[in-house]
Amino acid sequence: MEAGDEPTMRAILLTSNASEEKMVAAMVGLARATSHLHDVAIKQYGEEGAKGLTGDVAGELDQSIKQIDAANVRLDGNRAVVSVPGQEAPPLTLIKEDDGTWRVRVADMATQIDARSLDQRLSEIAAQTAVINRVANEVATGEHFTGNDAAQELHQQMMKTAVERVAAERLPPATNRAATKPAATSTKLPAPR
């Protein structure tokens, strides 16, 4: 996923309906944006300088591999349930396809979420992806002097996007201003009697 490799991600993730397809599309988009940001940060700031923006990707990948190695796996025919000790995330169910490929059931990633909440979360992911893409373009064009400067901009844009989303959810829709303006008053004086 770190590489944003869409074909590989789609080959690993097993969907069974349109909502799950939307989830995969959002995950792919976010992974691609994050990978692109990492690539342009390395190009612009070098490996060490990029860490200020994207973190220690290699170190995080190493941690992920250690977690996978420590995972508990319960096999039951063509089904495997994988859980990571000390992790709050629900276990993942993998299904073994006829060709021997193991795939992760996307349905298990959102077991506690209703359709409205899922749509809201997908909207949030789309907004985050847009911000990451925008900052990646800014990094690529040299708008930020260091990885830390770019990270600060990324954080500010993410916060702004989150505040705008919350405000849009909580504030009533904009009203038709023309309809709410006071009626125009006449400046003509009444005719003398």
N, C-alpha and C. Protein backbone atom coordinates (compact mmCIF):
# COMPACT_ATOMS: atom_id res chain seq x y z
N MET A 1 0.82 -1.19 0.00
CA MET A 1 0.00 0.00 0.00
C MET A 1 0.86 1.25 0.00
N GLU A 2 2.05 1.17 0.65
CA GLU A 2 2.91 2.34 0.72
C GLU A 2 3.32 2.84 -0.66
N ALA A 3 3.40 1.94 -1.63
CA ALA A 3 3.82 2.32 -2.97
C ALA A 3 2.66 2.90 -3.78
N GLY A 4 1.44 2.79 -3.28
CA GLY A 4 0.29 3.28 -4.03
C GLY A 4 0.04 2.48 -5.29
N ASP A 5 0.40 1.21 -5.26
CA ASP A 5 0.29 0.34 -6.44
C ASP A 5 -1.15 -0.15 -6.56
N GLU A 6 -1.92 0.53 -7.39
CA GLU A 6 -3.35 0.24 -7.52
C GLU A 6 -3.64 -1.20 -7.93
N PRO A 7 -3.00 -1.73 -8.98
CA PRO A 7 -3.32 -3.12 -9.36
C PRO A 7 -3.06 -4.12 -8.24
N THR A 8 -1.96 -3.94 -7.50
CA THR A 8 -1.66 -4.85 -6.40
C THR A 8 -2.69 -4.70 -5.28
N MET A 9 -3.03 -3.47 -4.95
CA MET A 9 -4.02 -3.25 -3.89
C MET A 9 -5.36 -3.87 -4.27
N ARG A 10 -5.78 -3.67 -5.51
CA ARG A 10 -7.06 -4.23 -5.94
C ARG A 10 -7.02 -5.77 -5.99
N ALA A 11 -5.84 -6.32 -6.27
CA ALA A 11 -5.71 -7.78 -6.29
C ALA A 11 -5.77 -8.37 -4.89
N ILE A 12 -5.36 -7.60 -3.88
CA ILE A 12 -5.34 -8.07 -2.50
C ILE A 12 -6.69 -7.89 -1.82
N LEU A 13 -7.40 -6.82 -2.15
CA LEU A 13 -8.63 -6.47 -1.45
C LEU A 13 -9.84 -7.10 -2.13
N LEU A 14 -10.60 -7.86 -1.38
CA LEU A 14 -11.77 -8.58 -1.89
C LEU A 14 -13.05 -7.82 -1.54
N THR A 15 -13.75 -7.38 -2.57
CA THR A 15 -14.99 -6.64 -2.37
C THR A 15 -16.19 -7.48 -2.78
N SER A 16 -17.34 -7.13 -2.20
CA SER A 16 -18.56 -7.87 -2.55
C SER A 16 -19.73 -6.97 -2.89
N ASN A 17 -19.53 -5.63 -2.84
CA ASN A 17 -20.61 -4.72 -3.20
C ASN A 17 -20.06 -3.33 -3.56
N ALA A 18 -20.95 -2.46 -3.99
CA ALA A 18 -20.55 -1.12 -4.45
C ALA A 18 -19.92 -0.29 -3.34
N SER A 19 -20.44 -0.40 -2.12
CA SER A 19 -19.87 0.37 -1.00
C SER A 19 -18.42 -0.04 -0.74
N GLU A 20 -18.16 -1.33 -0.81
CA GLU A 20 -16.80 -1.80 -0.61
C GLU A 20 -15.89 -1.36 -1.75
N GLU A 21 -16.42 -1.31 -2.97
CA GLU A 21 -15.64 -0.79 -4.10
C GLU A 21 -15.27 0.67 -3.87
N LYS A 22 -16.20 1.45 -3.31
CA LYS A 22 -15.92 2.86 -2.99
C LYS A 22 -14.82 2.95 -1.94
N MET A 23 -14.87 2.05 -0.95
CA MET A 23 -13.83 2.04 0.08
C MET A 23 -12.46 1.77 -0.54
N VAL A 24 -12.40 0.80 -1.42
CA VAL A 24 -11.13 0.46 -2.07
C VAL A 24 -10.65 1.64 -2.92
N ALA A 25 -11.55 2.26 -3.65
CA ALA A 25 -11.16 3.42 -4.47
C ALA A 25 -10.58 4.52 -3.59
N ALA A 26 -11.19 4.76 -2.43
CA ALA A 26 -10.69 5.79 -1.51
C ALA A 26 -9.32 5.40 -0.96
N MET A 27 -9.15 4.13 -0.58
CA MET A 27 -7.86 3.66 -0.06
C MET A 27 -6.78 3.78 -1.13
N VAL A 28 -7.11 3.39 -2.36
CA VAL A 28 -6.15 3.47 -3.46
C VAL A 28 -5.77 4.93 -3.71
N GLY A 29 -6.76 5.81 -3.76
CA GLY A 29 -6.48 7.22 -4.00
C GLY A 29 -5.59 7.82 -2.93
N LEU A 30 -5.88 7.52 -1.68
CA LEU A 30 -5.08 8.03 -0.57
C LEU A 30 -3.67 7.46 -0.61
N ALA A 31 -3.54 6.16 -0.87
CA ALA A 31 -2.22 5.54 -0.95
C ALA A 31 -1.40 6.12 -2.10
N ARG A 32 -2.04 6.33 -3.24
CA ARG A 32 -1.32 6.90 -4.39
C ARG A 32 -0.86 8.32 -4.09
N ALA A 33 -1.74 9.12 -3.46
CA ALA A 33 -1.38 10.50 -3.13
C ALA A 33 -0.23 10.54 -2.13
N THR A 34 -0.30 9.68 -1.11
CA THR A 34 0.75 9.63 -0.09
C THR A 34 2.07 9.18 -0.69
N SER A 35 2.03 8.19 -1.56
CA SER A 35 3.23 7.71 -2.23
C SER A 35 3.84 8.80 -3.11
N HIS A 36 2.98 9.51 -3.82
CA HIS A 36 3.45 10.60 -4.69
C HIS A 36 4.09 11.71 -3.84
N LEU A 37 3.46 12.05 -2.72
CA LEU A 37 4.01 13.07 -1.84
C LEU A 37 5.39 12.64 -1.35
N HIS A 38 5.52 11.39 -0.95
CA HIS A 38 6.81 10.86 -0.48
C HIS A 38 7.87 10.96 -1.59
N ASP A 39 7.49 10.56 -2.80
CA ASP A 39 8.43 10.59 -3.93
C ASP A 39 8.91 12.00 -4.24
N VAL A 40 7.98 12.96 -4.30
CA VAL A 40 8.39 14.33 -4.63
C VAL A 40 9.17 14.95 -3.47
N ALA A 41 8.86 14.56 -2.24
CA ALA A 41 9.60 15.08 -1.09
C ALA A 41 11.05 14.60 -1.13
N ILE A 42 11.25 13.34 -1.47
CA ILE A 42 12.63 12.81 -1.59
C ILE A 42 13.37 13.53 -2.71
N LYS A 43 12.69 13.73 -3.82
CA LYS A 43 13.32 14.42 -4.95
C LYS A 43 13.69 15.86 -4.59
N GLN A 44 12.83 16.52 -3.84
CA GLN A 44 13.03 17.93 -3.51
C GLN A 44 13.98 18.13 -2.33
N TYR A 45 13.86 17.27 -1.28
CA TYR A 45 14.58 17.51 -0.04
C TYR A 45 15.61 16.44 0.30
N GLY A 46 15.64 15.35 -0.47
CA GLY A 46 16.52 14.23 -0.14
C GLY A 46 15.85 13.33 0.88
N GLU A 47 16.43 12.14 1.08
CA GLU A 47 15.83 11.13 1.97
C GLU A 47 15.63 11.67 3.39
N GLU A 48 16.66 12.28 3.95
CA GLU A 48 16.56 12.79 5.33
C GLU A 48 15.59 13.97 5.41
N GLY A 49 15.68 14.89 4.47
CA GLY A 49 14.81 16.07 4.49
C GLY A 49 13.35 15.71 4.30
N ALA A 50 13.08 14.65 3.55
CA ALA A 50 11.70 14.22 3.31
C ALA A 50 11.04 13.71 4.59
N LYS A 51 11.86 13.21 5.53
CA LYS A 51 11.29 12.67 6.77
C LYS A 51 10.51 13.72 7.55
N GLY A 52 10.88 14.98 7.41
CA GLY A 52 10.14 16.05 8.08
C GLY A 52 8.71 16.15 7.58
N LEU A 53 8.47 15.68 6.37
CA LEU A 53 7.13 15.74 5.78
C LEU A 53 6.42 14.39 5.83
N THR A 54 7.10 13.35 5.44
CA THR A 54 6.43 12.06 5.30
C THR A 54 6.79 11.05 6.38
N GLY A 55 7.67 11.44 7.29
CA GLY A 55 8.07 10.51 8.33
C GLY A 55 9.10 9.53 7.82
N ASP A 56 9.43 8.59 8.66
CA ASP A 56 10.42 7.57 8.32
C ASP A 56 9.68 6.38 7.71
N VAL A 57 9.41 6.46 6.41
CA VAL A 57 8.62 5.44 5.73
C VAL A 57 9.27 4.07 5.85
N ALA A 58 10.58 4.02 5.68
CA ALA A 58 11.27 2.72 5.78
C ALA A 58 11.14 2.15 7.19
N GLY A 59 11.29 2.99 8.20
CA GLY A 59 11.16 2.55 9.59
C GLY A 59 9.74 2.08 9.90
N GLU A 60 8.75 2.82 9.38
CA GLU A 60 7.35 2.43 9.59
C GLU A 60 7.04 1.11 8.89
N LEU A 61 7.59 0.92 7.70
CA LEU A 61 7.40 -0.34 6.98
C LEU A 61 8.02 -1.49 7.77
N ASP A 62 9.20 -1.25 8.33
CA ASP A 62 9.85 -2.27 9.14
C ASP A 62 8.98 -2.63 10.35
N GLN A 63 8.39 -1.63 11.00
CA GLN A 63 7.49 -1.87 12.13
C GLN A 63 6.27 -2.69 11.70
N SER A 64 5.72 -2.35 10.53
CA SER A 64 4.57 -3.08 10.02
C SER A 64 4.91 -4.55 9.78
N ILE A 65 6.08 -4.78 9.23
CA ILE A 65 6.51 -6.16 8.97
C ILE A 65 6.66 -6.92 10.29
N LYS A 66 7.20 -6.26 11.31
CA LYS A 66 7.33 -6.90 12.63
C LYS A 66 5.95 -7.23 13.20
N GLN A 67 4.98 -6.34 13.01
CA GLN A 67 3.62 -6.60 13.49
C GLN A 67 3.01 -7.79 12.77
N ILE A 68 3.24 -7.86 11.47
CA ILE A 68 2.72 -8.99 10.68
C ILE A 68 3.35 -10.29 11.15
N ASP A 69 4.67 -10.24 11.39
CA ASP A 69 5.36 -11.44 11.87
C ASP A 69 4.83 -11.90 13.23
N ALA A 70 4.38 -10.95 14.06
CA ALA A 70 3.87 -11.28 15.40
C ALA A 70 2.37 -11.60 15.40
N ALA A 71 1.74 -11.50 14.26
CA ALA A 71 0.29 -11.69 14.18
C ALA A 71 -0.12 -13.11 14.52
N ASN A 72 -1.31 -13.22 15.08
CA ASN A 72 -1.92 -14.53 15.33
C ASN A 72 -2.75 -14.89 14.12
N VAL A 73 -2.58 -16.09 13.61
CA VAL A 73 -3.31 -16.54 12.43
C VAL A 73 -4.07 -17.80 12.79
N ARG A 74 -5.38 -17.77 12.53
CA ARG A 74 -6.22 -18.96 12.75
C ARG A 74 -6.74 -19.41 11.38
N LEU A 75 -6.29 -20.58 10.95
CA LEU A 75 -6.67 -21.12 9.64
C LEU A 75 -7.88 -22.03 9.77
N ASP A 76 -8.78 -21.89 8.80
CA ASP A 76 -9.96 -22.74 8.73
C ASP A 76 -10.28 -22.95 7.26
N GLY A 77 -9.67 -23.96 6.65
CA GLY A 77 -9.87 -24.22 5.23
C GLY A 77 -9.32 -23.10 4.38
N ASN A 78 -10.21 -22.50 3.58
CA ASN A 78 -9.77 -21.41 2.68
C ASN A 78 -9.95 -20.04 3.34
N ARG A 79 -10.03 -20.03 4.65
CA ARG A 79 -10.26 -18.81 5.41
C ARG A 79 -9.19 -18.69 6.50
N ALA A 80 -8.65 -17.48 6.66
CA ALA A 80 -7.69 -17.20 7.72
C ALA A 80 -8.13 -15.93 8.44
N VAL A 81 -8.09 -15.96 9.76
CA VAL A 81 -8.38 -14.77 10.56
C VAL A 81 -7.07 -14.34 11.20
N VAL A 82 -6.70 -13.08 10.93
CA VAL A 82 -5.41 -12.56 11.37
C VAL A 82 -5.66 -11.41 12.36
N SER A 83 -5.04 -11.52 13.53
CA SER A 83 -5.13 -10.44 14.52
C SER A 83 -3.72 -10.13 15.01
N VAL A 84 -3.51 -8.85 15.33
CA VAL A 84 -2.20 -8.40 15.80
C VAL A 84 -2.31 -8.12 17.29
N PRO A 85 -1.50 -8.80 18.11
CA PRO A 85 -1.55 -8.56 19.56
C PRO A 85 -1.30 -7.09 19.89
N GLY A 86 -2.12 -6.57 20.82
CA GLY A 86 -1.95 -5.18 21.25
C GLY A 86 -2.53 -4.15 20.31
N GLN A 87 -3.15 -4.57 19.24
CA GLN A 87 -3.73 -3.63 18.29
C GLN A 87 -5.25 -3.65 18.44
N GLU A 88 -5.86 -2.46 18.48
CA GLU A 88 -7.29 -2.37 18.69
C GLU A 88 -8.10 -2.69 17.43
N ALA A 89 -7.48 -2.67 16.28
CA ALA A 89 -8.20 -2.94 15.03
C ALA A 89 -8.80 -4.33 15.07
N PRO A 90 -9.98 -4.47 14.47
CA PRO A 90 -10.58 -5.80 14.44
C PRO A 90 -9.73 -6.75 13.58
N PRO A 91 -9.84 -8.04 13.84
CA PRO A 91 -9.07 -9.00 13.04
C PRO A 91 -9.47 -8.91 11.56
N LEU A 92 -8.54 -9.25 10.71
CA LEU A 92 -8.81 -9.29 9.27
C LEU A 92 -9.07 -10.73 8.86
N THR A 93 -10.04 -10.89 7.98
CA THR A 93 -10.31 -12.21 7.42
C THR A 93 -9.77 -12.24 6.01
N LEU A 94 -8.99 -13.26 5.73
CA LEU A 94 -8.47 -13.47 4.39
C LEU A 94 -9.15 -14.69 3.79
N ILE A 95 -9.40 -14.63 2.51
CA ILE A 95 -10.03 -15.72 1.79
C ILE A 95 -9.04 -16.22 0.74
N LYS A 96 -8.86 -17.52 0.69
CA LYS A 96 -7.97 -18.11 -0.29
C LYS A 96 -8.77 -18.41 -1.56
N GLU A 97 -8.33 -17.79 -2.66
CA GLU A 97 -8.98 -17.97 -3.95
C GLU A 97 -8.58 -19.32 -4.54
N ASP A 98 -9.27 -19.73 -5.59
CA ASP A 98 -8.98 -21.00 -6.25
C ASP A 98 -7.55 -21.08 -6.77
N ASP A 99 -6.98 -19.91 -7.15
CA ASP A 99 -5.61 -19.90 -7.68
C ASP A 99 -4.55 -19.87 -6.57
N GLY A 100 -4.99 -19.92 -5.29
CA GLY A 100 -4.05 -19.94 -4.17
C GLY A 100 -3.75 -18.56 -3.60
N THR A 101 -4.29 -17.52 -4.19
CA THR A 101 -4.06 -16.15 -3.73
C THR A 101 -4.93 -15.86 -2.51
N TRP A 102 -4.31 -15.27 -1.48
CA TRP A 102 -5.05 -14.85 -0.30
C TRP A 102 -5.47 -13.40 -0.48
N ARG A 103 -6.74 -13.11 -0.19
CA ARG A 103 -7.27 -11.74 -0.34
C ARG A 103 -7.94 -11.30 0.97
N VAL A 104 -7.83 -10.01 1.26
CA VAL A 104 -8.42 -9.43 2.48
C VAL A 104 -9.86 -9.01 2.19
N ARG A 105 -10.77 -9.46 3.04
CA ARG A 105 -12.18 -9.09 2.90
C ARG A 105 -12.37 -7.64 3.35
N VAL A 106 -12.77 -6.79 2.43
CA VAL A 106 -13.01 -5.37 2.74
C VAL A 106 -14.17 -5.23 3.72
N ALA A 107 -15.12 -6.14 3.66
CA ALA A 107 -16.28 -6.08 4.55
C ALA A 107 -15.86 -6.05 6.01
N ASP A 108 -14.74 -6.68 6.35
CA ASP A 108 -14.28 -6.71 7.74
C ASP A 108 -13.67 -5.39 8.19
N MET A 109 -13.39 -4.50 7.25
CA MET A 109 -12.76 -3.23 7.60
C MET A 109 -13.77 -2.20 8.09
N ALA A 110 -15.04 -2.45 7.88
CA ALA A 110 -16.07 -1.47 8.25
C ALA A 110 -17.28 -2.16 8.87
N THR A 111 -17.02 -3.08 9.77
CA THR A 111 -18.13 -3.85 10.34
C THR A 111 -19.02 -3.02 11.26
N GLN A 112 -18.48 -1.98 11.85
CA GLN A 112 -19.24 -1.19 12.81
C GLN A 112 -19.70 0.16 12.25
N ILE A 113 -19.83 0.27 10.93
CA ILE A 113 -20.15 1.56 10.33
C ILE A 113 -21.39 1.46 9.46
N ASP A 114 -22.30 2.44 9.62
CA ASP A 114 -23.51 2.45 8.81
C ASP A 114 -23.24 3.20 7.51
N ALA A 115 -24.19 3.14 6.59
CA ALA A 115 -24.00 3.71 5.24
C ALA A 115 -23.73 5.21 5.29
N ARG A 116 -24.45 5.94 6.14
CA ARG A 116 -24.26 7.40 6.22
C ARG A 116 -22.87 7.72 6.74
N SER A 117 -22.45 7.02 7.79
CA SER A 117 -21.11 7.24 8.35
C SER A 117 -20.03 6.86 7.35
N LEU A 118 -20.27 5.80 6.59
CA LEU A 118 -19.30 5.39 5.57
C LEU A 118 -19.16 6.48 4.51
N ASP A 119 -20.28 7.01 4.03
CA ASP A 119 -20.22 8.08 3.04
C ASP A 119 -19.48 9.29 3.59
N GLN A 120 -19.73 9.63 4.85
CA GLN A 120 -19.04 10.75 5.49
C GLN A 120 -17.54 10.48 5.55
N ARG A 121 -17.16 9.27 5.94
CA ARG A 121 -15.75 8.92 6.04
C ARG A 121 -15.08 8.94 4.67
N LEU A 122 -15.78 8.45 3.65
CA LEU A 122 -15.23 8.47 2.29
C LEU A 122 -15.04 9.91 1.80
N SER A 123 -15.95 10.79 2.18
CA SER A 123 -15.83 12.20 1.84
C SER A 123 -14.62 12.82 2.52
N GLU A 124 -14.40 12.45 3.78
CA GLU A 124 -13.22 12.93 4.51
C GLU A 124 -11.93 12.46 3.84
N ILE A 125 -11.91 11.19 3.45
CA ILE A 125 -10.72 10.64 2.79
C ILE A 125 -10.47 11.36 1.47
N ALA A 126 -11.53 11.64 0.73
CA ALA A 126 -11.38 12.36 -0.54
C ALA A 126 -10.80 13.75 -0.30
N ALA A 127 -11.26 14.43 0.74
CA ALA A 127 -10.73 15.76 1.06
C ALA A 127 -9.26 15.67 1.47
N GLN A 128 -8.91 14.68 2.28
CA GLN A 128 -7.52 14.49 2.69
C GLN A 128 -6.64 14.19 1.49
N THR A 129 -7.14 13.36 0.59
CA THR A 129 -6.39 13.01 -0.61
C THR A 129 -6.13 14.25 -1.47
N ALA A 130 -7.14 15.10 -1.59
CA ALA A 130 -6.98 16.34 -2.36
C ALA A 130 -5.92 17.25 -1.73
N VAL A 131 -5.93 17.35 -0.42
CA VAL A 131 -4.93 18.18 0.27
C VAL A 131 -3.53 17.61 0.05
N ILE A 132 -3.38 16.31 0.18
CA ILE A 132 -2.07 15.69 -0.02
C ILE A 132 -1.59 15.92 -1.44
N ASN A 133 -2.47 15.77 -2.41
CA ASN A 133 -2.09 16.01 -3.81
C ASN A 133 -1.69 17.47 -4.02
N ARG A 134 -2.43 18.40 -3.40
CA ARG A 134 -2.13 19.82 -3.55
C ARG A 134 -0.75 20.13 -2.96
N VAL A 135 -0.47 19.62 -1.76
CA VAL A 135 0.83 19.87 -1.14
C VAL A 135 1.94 19.18 -1.93
N ALA A 136 1.69 18.01 -2.46
CA ALA A 136 2.70 17.34 -3.30
C ALA A 136 3.05 18.20 -4.50
N ASN A 137 2.04 18.80 -5.11
CA ASN A 137 2.31 19.70 -6.25
C ASN A 137 3.11 20.92 -5.81
N GLU A 138 2.80 21.45 -4.63
CA GLU A 138 3.55 22.59 -4.11
C GLU A 138 5.00 22.21 -3.83
N VAL A 139 5.22 21.03 -3.29
CA VAL A 139 6.58 20.54 -3.03
C VAL A 139 7.33 20.39 -4.35
N ALA A 140 6.67 19.80 -5.33
CA ALA A 140 7.31 19.55 -6.63
C ALA A 140 7.72 20.85 -7.32
N THR A 141 6.96 21.92 -7.08
CA THR A 141 7.28 23.20 -7.72
C THR A 141 8.14 24.10 -6.84
N GLY A 142 8.62 23.57 -5.71
CA GLY A 142 9.54 24.31 -4.86
C GLY A 142 8.92 25.38 -3.99
N GLU A 143 7.64 25.27 -3.70
CA GLU A 143 6.97 26.30 -2.89
C GLU A 143 7.33 26.23 -1.41
N HIS A 144 7.91 25.13 -0.95
CA HIS A 144 8.25 24.98 0.47
C HIS A 144 9.75 24.71 0.57
N PHE A 145 10.42 25.47 1.43
CA PHE A 145 11.87 25.42 1.53
C PHE A 145 12.38 24.10 2.10
N THR A 146 11.67 23.55 3.10
CA THR A 146 12.11 22.30 3.73
C THR A 146 10.93 21.34 3.85
N GLY A 147 11.24 20.10 4.18
CA GLY A 147 10.19 19.12 4.45
C GLY A 147 9.34 19.54 5.63
N ASN A 148 9.97 20.14 6.63
CA ASN A 148 9.21 20.61 7.80
C ASN A 148 8.26 21.74 7.42
N ASP A 149 8.71 22.63 6.52
CA ASP A 149 7.81 23.71 6.05
C ASP A 149 6.61 23.11 5.32
N ALA A 150 6.87 22.13 4.49
CA ALA A 150 5.79 21.48 3.75
C ALA A 150 4.86 20.73 4.71
N ALA A 151 5.43 20.12 5.74
CA ALA A 151 4.61 19.41 6.74
C ALA A 151 3.69 20.38 7.46
N GLN A 152 4.21 21.56 7.79
CA GLN A 152 3.38 22.57 8.45
C GLN A 152 2.24 23.00 7.54
N GLU A 153 2.52 23.19 6.27
CA GLU A 153 1.48 23.56 5.31
C GLU A 153 0.45 22.44 5.17
N LEU A 154 0.93 21.20 5.10
CA LEU A 154 0.02 20.06 5.01
C LEU A 154 -0.89 20.03 6.23
N HIS A 155 -0.33 20.21 7.40
CA HIS A 155 -1.12 20.20 8.64
C HIS A 155 -2.16 21.32 8.62
N GLN A 156 -1.75 22.52 8.22
CA GLN A 156 -2.68 23.65 8.18
C GLN A 156 -3.82 23.41 7.20
N GLN A 157 -3.48 22.86 6.03
CA GLN A 157 -4.53 22.60 5.04
C GLN A 157 -5.46 21.49 5.50
N MET A 158 -4.92 20.46 6.17
CA MET A 158 -5.77 19.39 6.70
C MET A 158 -6.72 19.94 7.76
N MET A 159 -6.20 20.79 8.64
CA MET A 159 -7.04 21.39 9.69
C MET A 159 -8.12 22.26 9.08
N LYS A 160 -7.76 23.05 8.10
CA LYS A 160 -8.72 23.93 7.44
C LYS A 160 -9.83 23.10 6.80
N THR A 161 -9.45 22.04 6.13
CA THR A 161 -10.42 21.16 5.48
C THR A 161 -11.35 20.53 6.51
N ALA A 162 -10.79 20.09 7.63
CA ALA A 162 -11.60 19.46 8.68
C ALA A 162 -12.57 20.47 9.29
N VAL A 163 -12.09 21.68 9.55
CA VAL A 163 -12.95 22.71 10.13
C VAL A 163 -14.08 23.06 9.17
N GLU A 164 -13.76 23.20 7.89
CA GLU A 164 -14.79 23.51 6.89
C GLU A 164 -15.83 22.40 6.82
N ARG A 165 -15.38 21.14 6.91
CA ARG A 165 -16.31 20.02 6.86
C ARG A 165 -17.24 20.02 8.06
N VAL A 166 -16.66 20.23 9.25
CA VAL A 166 -17.48 20.25 10.47
C VAL A 166 -18.46 21.42 10.43
N ALA A 167 -17.99 22.58 9.98
CA ALA A 167 -18.87 23.75 9.89
C ALA A 167 -20.01 23.48 8.91
N ALA A 168 -19.71 22.85 7.80
CA ALA A 168 -20.75 22.55 6.81
C ALA A 168 -21.78 21.59 7.37
N GLU A 169 -21.35 20.67 8.22
CA GLU A 169 -22.28 19.71 8.83
C GLU A 169 -23.15 20.36 9.88
N ARG A 170 -22.61 21.34 10.60
CA ARG A 170 -23.32 21.90 11.75
C ARG A 170 -24.10 23.16 11.46
N LEU A 171 -23.67 23.91 10.44
CA LEU A 171 -24.36 25.16 10.14
C LEU A 171 -25.49 24.90 9.16
N PRO A 172 -26.56 25.68 9.27
CA PRO A 172 -27.65 25.50 8.30
C PRO A 172 -27.17 25.91 6.92
N PRO A 173 -27.81 25.37 5.89
CA PRO A 173 -27.39 25.74 4.53
C PRO A 173 -27.57 27.23 4.31
N ALA A 174 -26.76 27.77 3.44
CA ALA A 174 -26.87 29.20 3.11
C ALA A 174 -28.26 29.47 2.57
N THR A 175 -28.83 30.58 3.00
CA THR A 175 -30.17 30.93 2.53
C THR A 175 -30.07 31.80 1.31
N ASN A 176 -31.14 31.89 0.63
CA ASN A 176 -31.22 32.75 -0.54
C ASN A 176 -31.20 34.19 -0.04
N ARG A 177 -30.09 34.87 -0.21
CA ARG A 177 -29.93 36.21 0.34
C ARG A 177 -30.93 37.20 -0.26
N ALA A 178 -31.26 37.03 -1.52
CA ALA A 178 -32.23 37.94 -2.14
C ALA A 178 -33.59 37.83 -1.46
N ALA A 179 -33.94 36.62 -1.07
CA ALA A 179 -35.23 36.40 -0.44
C ALA A 179 -35.26 36.92 0.99
N THR A 180 -34.08 37.07 1.61
CA THR A 180 -34.07 37.49 3.00
C THR A 180 -33.76 38.97 3.17
N LYS A 181 -33.50 39.68 2.06
CA LYS A 181 -33.24 41.11 2.17
C LYS A 181 -34.55 41.82 2.50
N PRO A 182 -34.46 42.90 3.28
CA PRO A 182 -35.68 43.66 3.54
C PRO A 182 -36.21 44.25 2.24
N ALA A 183 -37.49 44.39 2.18
CA ALA A 183 -38.11 44.96 0.98
C ALA A 183 -37.59 46.37 0.77
N ALA A 184 -37.39 46.72 -0.47
CA ALA A 184 -36.91 48.07 -0.79
C ALA A 184 -37.98 49.08 -0.40
N THR A 185 -37.55 50.18 0.16
CA THR A 185 -38.51 51.21 0.54
C THR A 185 -38.44 52.33 -0.48
N SER A 186 -39.55 52.94 -0.69
CA SER A 186 -39.63 54.02 -1.66
C SER A 186 -39.08 55.31 -1.03
N THR A 187 -38.31 56.04 -1.80
CA THR A 187 -37.80 57.31 -1.31
C THR A 187 -38.68 58.47 -1.77
N LYS A 188 -39.75 58.18 -2.49
CA LYS A 188 -40.65 59.23 -2.97
C LYS A 188 -41.50 59.73 -1.81
N LEU A 189 -41.65 60.98 -1.77
CA LEU A 189 -42.55 61.57 -0.78
C LEU A 189 -43.96 61.51 -1.31
N PRO A 190 -44.94 61.38 -0.44
CA PRO A 190 -46.31 61.34 -0.94
C PRO A 190 -46.67 62.69 -1.60
N ALA A 191 -47.53 62.63 -2.57
CA ALA A 191 -47.96 63.83 -3.29
C ALA A 191 -48.74 64.73 -2.32
N PRO A 192 -48.53 66.06 -2.41
CA PRO A 192 -49.27 66.96 -1.53
C PRO A 192 -50.75 66.89 -1.81
N ARG A 193 -51.58 67.11 -0.79
CA ARG A 193 -53.03 67.04 -0.96
C ARG A 193 -53.62 68.35 -1.19
